[in-house]
């Protein structure tokens, strides 16, 4: 069933069967889905703790900030979705999400930084603009054009690989990008009140001329989630 509308040689420790990994979340969070996807790929069980998006006091008390996901792992409190993914990689190295070769590992890290700091820039700015008292529609249109100009880059990446940076299996780059790029195909559920997700749809659709991106979305959507 589709989830599009739902929420070797490595000497590193492995997650024990008795270890409890607790992750705090809110419904429909794209960043939470990164963790769910990474844990599902690795076969790591997660104890989810649900919170009301309008009441994040317990999240602030735990982590000192209000964003999700926040994970409790081995007594540590870890905020930021991709930092949590890195921690899961340390706990259970296989199947690997980060390439072992230093150059390939660095390229995945560079992609993640680019995606978070550059690709997400326009939709974040649109979200902030529309949250203001008098949104600048001309600026919003320019931001939409900027976002849409970046989308063909993913199609180009997928012309060489089944996944964004690898051929055989997804990497952390796919985990990072999928919960956002899925809106090239996904419809925001009616009970999802987060306007950012509809902004992602605006930035990514229509994507009919990006068949490899859409096929990648379907391929990623079929992967397991924790």
C-alpha atoms as a PDB file:
ATOM      1  CA  UNK A   1       0.000   0.000   0.000  1.00  0.00           C
ATOM      2  CA  UNK A   2       1.330   3.450  -0.878  1.00  0.00           C
ATOM      3  CA  UNK A   3       2.591   5.634   1.944  1.00  0.00           C
ATOM      4  CA  UNK A   4       2.703   8.810  -0.124  1.00  0.00           C
ATOM      5  CA  UNK A   5      -0.125  10.372   1.798  1.00  0.00           C
ATOM      6  CA  UNK A   6       0.853   9.032   5.266  1.00  0.00           C
ATOM      7  CA  UNK A   7       2.849  10.041   7.618  1.00  0.00           C
ATOM      8  CA  UNK A   8      31.364  -4.708   5.213  1.00  0.00           C
ATOM      9  CA  UNK A   9      34.459  -4.320   7.246  1.00  0.00           C
ATOM     10  CA  UNK A  10      33.029  -1.673   9.503  1.00  0.00           C
ATOM     11  CA  UNK A  11      34.155  -1.886  13.095  1.00  0.00           C
ATOM     12  CA  UNK A  12      31.256  -0.031  14.642  1.00  0.00           C
ATOM     13  CA  UNK A  13      28.716  -1.001  17.317  1.00  0.00           C
ATOM     14  CA  UNK A  14      25.423  -2.614  16.430  1.00  0.00           C
ATOM     15  CA  UNK A  15      22.048  -1.927  17.987  1.00  0.00           C
ATOM     16  CA  UNK A  16      21.147  -4.610  20.505  1.00  0.00           C
ATOM     17  CA  UNK A  17      17.806  -6.325  20.424  1.00  0.00           C
ATOM     18  CA  UNK A  18      16.959  -4.949  23.897  1.00  0.00           C
ATOM     19  CA  UNK A  19      17.943  -1.364  23.173  1.00  0.00           C
ATOM     20  CA  UNK A  20      15.046   1.082  23.198  1.00  0.00           C
ATOM     21  CA  UNK A  21      15.215   3.941  20.730  1.00  0.00           C
ATOM     22  CA  UNK A  22      12.510   6.476  21.513  1.00  0.00           C
ATOM     23  CA  UNK A  23      11.662   9.148  18.974  1.00  0.00           C
ATOM     24  CA  UNK A  24       9.319  12.076  19.557  1.00  0.00           C
ATOM     25  CA  UNK A  25       7.218  13.133  16.588  1.00  0.00           C
ATOM     26  CA  UNK A  26       4.214  15.072  15.316  1.00  0.00           C
ATOM     27  CA  UNK A  27       1.879  13.942  12.503  1.00  0.00           C
ATOM     28  CA  UNK A  28       2.950  14.265   8.864  1.00  0.00           C
ATOM     29  CA  UNK A  29       6.410  15.646   9.655  1.00  0.00           C
ATOM     30  CA  UNK A  30       8.789  15.376   6.697  1.00  0.00           C
ATOM     31  CA  UNK A  31      11.790  15.320   9.051  1.00  0.00           C
ATOM     32  CA  UNK A  32      10.245  12.564  11.155  1.00  0.00           C
ATOM     33  CA  UNK A  33       9.726  10.511   7.993  1.00  0.00           C
ATOM     34  CA  UNK A  34      13.487  10.657   7.360  1.00  0.00           C
ATOM     35  CA  UNK A  35      14.048   8.802  10.637  1.00  0.00           C
ATOM     36  CA  UNK A  36      11.185   6.364  10.049  1.00  0.00           C
ATOM     37  CA  UNK A  37      12.598   5.534   6.617  1.00  0.00           C
ATOM     38  CA  UNK A  38      16.196   5.105   7.828  1.00  0.00           C
ATOM     39  CA  UNK A  39      15.099   2.902  10.732  1.00  0.00           C
ATOM     40  CA  UNK A  40      12.857   0.861   8.443  1.00  0.00           C
ATOM     41  CA  UNK A  41      15.652   0.242   5.945  1.00  0.00           C
ATOM     42  CA  UNK A  42      17.934  -0.884   8.770  1.00  0.00           C
ATOM     43  CA  UNK A  43      15.300  -2.950  10.558  1.00  0.00           C
ATOM     44  CA  UNK A  44      15.587  -0.923  13.761  1.00  0.00           C
ATOM     45  CA  UNK A  45      12.577  -0.838  16.051  1.00  0.00           C
ATOM     46  CA  UNK A  46      11.521   2.590  17.260  1.00  0.00           C
ATOM     47  CA  UNK A  47       9.233   3.543  20.120  1.00  0.00           C
ATOM     48  CA  UNK A  48       7.327   6.542  18.848  1.00  0.00           C
ATOM     49  CA  UNK A  49       6.095   9.263  21.198  1.00  0.00           C
ATOM     50  CA  UNK A  50       3.354  11.386  19.644  1.00  0.00           C
ATOM     51  CA  UNK A  51       2.897  15.077  20.410  1.00  0.00           C
ATOM     52  CA  UNK A  52       0.286  17.677  19.566  1.00  0.00           C
ATOM     53  CA  UNK A  53       1.841  20.131  17.071  1.00  0.00           C
ATOM     54  CA  UNK A  54       0.199  22.959  19.019  1.00  0.00           C
ATOM     55  CA  UNK A  55       1.734  21.902  22.345  1.00  0.00           C
ATOM     56  CA  UNK A  56       5.468  21.238  22.175  1.00  0.00           C
ATOM     57  CA  UNK A  57       6.279  21.969  25.790  1.00  0.00           C
ATOM     58  CA  UNK A  58       7.453  18.422  26.470  1.00  0.00           C
ATOM     59  CA  UNK A  59       9.731  18.516  23.404  1.00  0.00           C
ATOM     60  CA  UNK A  60      11.249  21.813  24.561  1.00  0.00           C
ATOM     61  CA  UNK A  61      11.724  20.458  28.078  1.00  0.00           C
ATOM     62  CA  UNK A  62      13.521  17.407  26.686  1.00  0.00           C
ATOM     63  CA  UNK A  63      15.689  18.997  23.993  1.00  0.00           C
ATOM     64  CA  UNK A  64      15.743  22.748  24.554  1.00  0.00           C
ATOM     65  CA  UNK A  65      14.026  23.424  21.219  1.00  0.00           C
ATOM     66  CA  UNK A  66      10.640  22.711  19.665  1.00  0.00           C
ATOM     67  CA  UNK A  67      11.473  20.950  16.392  1.00  0.00           C
ATOM     68  CA  UNK A  68      10.924  17.246  15.764  1.00  0.00           C
ATOM     69  CA  UNK A  69      12.149  14.599  15.573  1.00  0.00           C
ATOM     70  CA  UNK A  70      13.965  14.287  18.873  1.00  0.00           C
ATOM     71  CA  UNK A  71      15.461  10.888  19.721  1.00  0.00           C
ATOM     72  CA  UNK A  72      16.461   9.333  23.025  1.00  0.00           C
ATOM     73  CA  UNK A  73      19.280   6.867  22.344  1.00  0.00           C
ATOM     74  CA  UNK A  74      21.556   5.316  24.981  1.00  0.00           C
ATOM     75  CA  UNK A  75      20.727   8.106  27.407  1.00  0.00           C
ATOM     76  CA  UNK A  76      21.510  10.817  24.842  1.00  0.00           C
ATOM     77  CA  UNK A  77      18.981  13.298  23.496  1.00  0.00           C
ATOM     78  CA  UNK A  78      19.562  13.820  19.772  1.00  0.00           C
ATOM     79  CA  UNK A  79      17.766  16.528  17.808  1.00  0.00           C
ATOM     80  CA  UNK A  80      17.834  17.069  14.019  1.00  0.00           C
ATOM     81  CA  UNK A  81      16.645  14.351  11.673  1.00  0.00           C
ATOM     82  CA  UNK A  82      19.882  13.686   9.801  1.00  0.00           C
ATOM     83  CA  UNK A  83      21.911  13.624  13.008  1.00  0.00           C
ATOM     84  CA  UNK A  84      19.542  10.925  14.215  1.00  0.00           C
ATOM     85  CA  UNK A  85      20.052   9.057  10.922  1.00  0.00           C
ATOM     86  CA  UNK A  86      23.824   9.256  11.470  1.00  0.00           C
ATOM     87  CA  UNK A  87      23.363   7.801  14.946  1.00  0.00           C
ATOM     88  CA  UNK A  88      21.279   4.932  13.573  1.00  0.00           C
ATOM     89  CA  UNK A  89      24.080   4.272  11.076  1.00  0.00           C
ATOM     90  CA  UNK A  90      26.550   3.971  13.961  1.00  0.00           C
ATOM     91  CA  UNK A  91      24.254   1.661  15.889  1.00  0.00           C
ATOM     92  CA  UNK A  92      23.564  -0.650  12.955  1.00  0.00           C
ATOM     93  CA  UNK A  93      26.056  -0.169  10.096  1.00  0.00           C
ATOM     94  CA  UNK A  94      24.335  -2.547   7.678  1.00  0.00           C
ATOM     95  CA  UNK A  95      22.644  -1.988   5.376  1.00  0.00           C
ATOM     96  CA  UNK A  96      24.781   1.118   5.004  1.00  0.00           C
ATOM     97  CA  UNK A  97      23.251   4.494   4.248  1.00  0.00           C
ATOM     98  CA  UNK A  98      26.623   6.236   4.058  1.00  0.00           C
ATOM     99  CA  UNK A  99      29.237   4.858   1.618  1.00  0.00           C
ATOM    100  CA  UNK A 100      32.371   3.444   3.208  1.00  0.00           C
ATOM    101  CA  UNK A 101      34.740   5.042   0.694  1.00  0.00           C
ATOM    102  CA  UNK A 102      35.732   8.493   2.026  1.00  0.00           C
ATOM    103  CA  UNK A 103      35.170  10.280  -1.287  1.00  0.00           C
ATOM    104  CA  UNK A 104      31.699   8.792  -1.787  1.00  0.00           C
ATOM    105  CA  UNK A 105      30.841   9.436   1.859  1.00  0.00           C
ATOM    106  CA  UNK A 106      31.856  13.067   1.437  1.00  0.00           C
ATOM    107  CA  UNK A 107      29.720  13.440  -1.693  1.00  0.00           C
ATOM    108  CA  UNK A 108      26.631  12.172   0.138  1.00  0.00           C
ATOM    109  CA  UNK A 109      27.339  14.609   2.988  1.00  0.00           C
ATOM    110  CA  UNK A 110      27.736  17.469   0.501  1.00  0.00           C
ATOM    111  CA  UNK A 111      24.412  16.587  -1.132  1.00  0.00           C
ATOM    112  CA  UNK A 112      22.658  16.573   2.252  1.00  0.00           C
ATOM    113  CA  UNK A 113      24.081  20.000   3.092  1.00  0.00           C
ATOM    114  CA  UNK A 114      23.024  21.320  -0.328  1.00  0.00           C
ATOM    115  CA  UNK A 115      19.533  19.905   0.001  1.00  0.00           C
ATOM    116  CA  UNK A 116      18.993  21.329   3.486  1.00  0.00           C
ATOM    117  CA  UNK A 117      20.625  24.699   2.943  1.00  0.00           C
ATOM    118  CA  UNK A 118      19.946  25.433  -0.745  1.00  0.00           C
ATOM    119  CA  UNK A 119      17.058  23.350  -2.097  1.00  0.00           C
ATOM    120  CA  UNK A 120      14.880  23.879   0.954  1.00  0.00           C
ATOM    121  CA  UNK A 121      15.616  27.614   0.945  1.00  0.00           C
ATOM    122  CA  UNK A 122      12.831  28.748  -1.416  1.00  0.00           C
ATOM    123  CA  UNK A 123       9.990  26.699   0.129  1.00  0.00           C
ATOM    124  CA  UNK A 124      11.086  27.795   3.609  1.00  0.00           C
ATOM    125  CA  UNK A 125      11.129  31.413   2.484  1.00  0.00           C
ATOM    126  CA  UNK A 126       7.674  31.099   0.911  1.00  0.00           C
ATOM    127  CA  UNK A 127       6.376  29.612   4.152  1.00  0.00           C
ATOM    128  CA  UNK A 128       7.800  32.534   6.146  1.00  0.00           C
ATOM    129  CA  UNK A 129       6.474  35.086   3.641  1.00  0.00           C
ATOM    130  CA  UNK A 130       2.930  33.719   3.750  1.00  0.00           C
ATOM    131  CA  UNK A 131       2.998  33.631   7.541  1.00  0.00           C
ATOM    132  CA  UNK A 132       3.474  37.412   7.598  1.00  0.00           C
ATOM    133  CA  UNK A 133       0.829  40.093   7.651  1.00  0.00           C
ATOM    134  CA  UNK A 134       1.283  41.212   4.049  1.00  0.00           C
ATOM    135  CA  UNK A 135       2.860  38.511   1.854  1.00  0.00           C
ATOM    136  CA  UNK A 136       4.820  39.814  -1.123  1.00  0.00           C
ATOM    137  CA  UNK A 137       3.276  37.863  -3.975  1.00  0.00           C
ATOM    138  CA  UNK A 138       5.920  38.986  -6.457  1.00  0.00           C
ATOM    139  CA  UNK A 139       8.675  37.648  -4.193  1.00  0.00           C
ATOM    140  CA  UNK A 140       6.755  34.408  -3.700  1.00  0.00           C
ATOM    141  CA  UNK A 141       6.497  33.950  -7.467  1.00  0.00           C
ATOM    142  CA  UNK A 142      10.248  34.456  -7.839  1.00  0.00           C
ATOM    143  CA  UNK A 143      10.888  31.928  -5.069  1.00  0.00           C
ATOM    144  CA  UNK A 144       8.610  29.404  -6.793  1.00  0.00           C
ATOM    145  CA  UNK A 145      10.502  29.893 -10.048  1.00  0.00           C
ATOM    146  CA  UNK A 146      13.789  29.393  -8.220  1.00  0.00           C
ATOM    147  CA  UNK A 147      12.565  26.197  -6.585  1.00  0.00           C
ATOM    148  CA  UNK A 148      11.223  24.793  -9.852  1.00  0.00           C
ATOM    149  CA  UNK A 149      14.513  25.535 -11.621  1.00  0.00           C
ATOM    150  CA  UNK A 150      16.280  23.116  -9.270  1.00  0.00           C
ATOM    151  CA  UNK A 151      13.964  20.136  -9.756  1.00  0.00           C
ATOM    152  CA  UNK A 152      15.469  18.915 -13.077  1.00  0.00           C
ATOM    153  CA  UNK A 153      18.764  18.344 -11.263  1.00  0.00           C
ATOM    154  CA  UNK A 154      17.213  15.340  -9.544  1.00  0.00           C
ATOM    155  CA  UNK A 155      16.059  13.962 -12.879  1.00  0.00           C
ATOM    156  CA  UNK A 156      19.632  14.300 -14.111  1.00  0.00           C
ATOM    157  CA  UNK A 157      21.029  12.472 -11.085  1.00  0.00           C
ATOM    158  CA  UNK A 158      18.545   9.658 -11.569  1.00  0.00           C
ATOM    159  CA  UNK A 159      19.506   9.259 -15.221  1.00  0.00           C
ATOM    160  CA  UNK A 160      22.695   7.564 -13.985  1.00  0.00           C
ATOM    161  CA  UNK A 161      21.458   5.686 -10.902  1.00  0.00           C
ATOM    162  CA  UNK A 162      18.347   4.009  -9.542  1.00  0.00           C
ATOM    163  CA  UNK A 163      18.812   6.155  -6.442  1.00  0.00           C
ATOM    164  CA  UNK A 164      20.098   9.694  -6.173  1.00  0.00           C
ATOM    165  CA  UNK A 165      23.763   8.839  -5.683  1.00  0.00           C
ATOM    166  CA  UNK A 166      23.894   5.044  -5.802  1.00  0.00           C
ATOM    167  CA  UNK A 167      22.683   2.255  -8.037  1.00  0.00           C
ATOM    168  CA  UNK A 168      22.033  -0.767  -5.830  1.00  0.00           C
ATOM    169  CA  UNK A 169      20.411   0.608  -2.686  1.00  0.00           C
ATOM    170  CA  UNK A 170      19.274   3.921  -1.206  1.00  0.00           C
ATOM    171  CA  UNK A 171      21.741   6.090   0.658  1.00  0.00           C
ATOM    172  CA  UNK A 172      21.347   8.842   3.229  1.00  0.00           C
ATOM    173  CA  UNK A 173      20.870  11.228   0.281  1.00  0.00           C
ATOM    174  CA  UNK A 174      17.614   9.467  -0.634  1.00  0.00           C
ATOM    175  CA  UNK A 175      16.492   9.372   2.997  1.00  0.00           C
ATOM    176  CA  UNK A 176      17.164  13.090   3.275  1.00  0.00           C
ATOM    177  CA  UNK A 177      15.337  14.124   0.112  1.00  0.00           C
ATOM    178  CA  UNK A 178      12.416  11.715  -0.293  1.00  0.00           C
ATOM    179  CA  UNK A 179      10.008  13.085   2.352  1.00  0.00           C
ATOM    180  CA  UNK A 180      10.128  16.432   0.536  1.00  0.00           C
ATOM    181  CA  UNK A 181      10.441  15.393  -3.110  1.00  0.00           C
ATOM    182  CA  UNK A 182       7.576  12.917  -2.749  1.00  0.00           C
ATOM    183  CA  UNK A 183       5.239  15.893  -3.141  1.00  0.00           C
ATOM    184  CA  UNK A 184       6.025  15.801  -6.856  1.00  0.00           C
ATOM    185  CA  UNK A 185       3.544  12.911  -6.801  1.00  0.00           C
ATOM    186  CA  UNK A 186       1.839  12.894  -3.395  1.00  0.00           C
ATOM    187  CA  UNK A 187      -1.315  14.766  -2.477  1.00  0.00           C
ATOM    188  CA  UNK A 188      -1.368  16.468   0.906  1.00  0.00           C
ATOM    189  CA  UNK A 189      -3.992  14.761   3.090  1.00  0.00           C
ATOM    190  CA  UNK A 190      -6.976  16.886   4.010  1.00  0.00           C
ATOM    191  CA  UNK A 191      -6.258  16.599   7.734  1.00  0.00           C
ATOM    192  CA  UNK A 192      -2.646  17.714   7.292  1.00  0.00           C
ATOM    193  CA  UNK A 193      -2.842  21.377   8.267  1.00  0.00           C
ATOM    194  CA  UNK A 194       0.854  22.142   7.723  1.00  0.00           C
ATOM    195  CA  UNK A 195       0.944  24.743   4.887  1.00  0.00           C
ATOM    196  CA  UNK A 196       4.584  23.867   4.106  1.00  0.00           C
ATOM    197  CA  UNK A 197       3.504  20.602   2.511  1.00  0.00           C
ATOM    198  CA  UNK A 198       1.207  22.377   0.079  1.00  0.00           C
ATOM    199  CA  UNK A 199       4.069  24.744  -0.705  1.00  0.00           C
ATOM    200  CA  UNK A 200       6.173  21.694  -1.595  1.00  0.00           C
ATOM    201  CA  UNK A 201       3.447  20.638  -4.011  1.00  0.00           C
ATOM    202  CA  UNK A 202       3.538  24.102  -5.600  1.00  0.00           C
ATOM    203  CA  UNK A 203       7.310  23.904  -5.954  1.00  0.00           C
ATOM    204  CA  UNK A 204       7.379  20.413  -7.453  1.00  0.00           C
ATOM    205  CA  UNK A 205       4.245  20.055  -9.580  1.00  0.00           C
ATOM    206  CA  UNK A 206       3.591  19.417 -12.366  1.00  0.00           C
ATOM    207  CA  UNK A 207       6.340  16.818 -12.767  1.00  0.00           C
ATOM    208  CA  UNK A 208       4.991  14.921 -15.783  1.00  0.00           C
ATOM    209  CA  UNK A 209       8.187  15.674 -17.720  1.00  0.00           C
ATOM    210  CA  UNK A 210      10.336  14.153 -14.945  1.00  0.00           C
ATOM    211  CA  UNK A 211       9.541  10.430 -15.285  1.00  0.00           C
ATOM    212  CA  UNK A 212      12.687   9.200 -13.507  1.00  0.00           C
ATOM    213  CA  UNK A 213      11.984  11.401 -10.508  1.00  0.00           C
ATOM    214  CA  UNK A 214       8.426  10.117 -10.276  1.00  0.00           C
ATOM    215  CA  UNK A 215       9.589   6.498 -10.590  1.00  0.00           C
ATOM    216  CA  UNK A 216      12.165   7.130  -7.839  1.00  0.00           C
ATOM    217  CA  UNK A 217       9.385   8.503  -5.622  1.00  0.00           C
ATOM    218  CA  UNK A 218       7.402   5.297  -6.158  1.00  0.00           C
ATOM    219  CA  UNK A 219      10.504   3.162  -5.522  1.00  0.00           C
ATOM    220  CA  UNK A 220      11.300   4.986  -2.283  1.00  0.00           C
ATOM    221  CA  UNK A 221       7.681   4.899  -1.152  1.00  0.00           C
ATOM    222  CA  UNK A 222       7.726   1.095  -1.345  1.00  0.00           C
ATOM    223  CA  UNK A 223      10.547   0.856   1.230  1.00  0.00           C
ATOM    224  CA  UNK A 224       9.736  -0.132   4.817  1.00  0.00           C
ATOM    225  CA  UNK A 225       9.215   2.373   7.634  1.00  0.00           C
ATOM    226  CA  UNK A 226       9.747   1.932  11.350  1.00  0.00           C
END
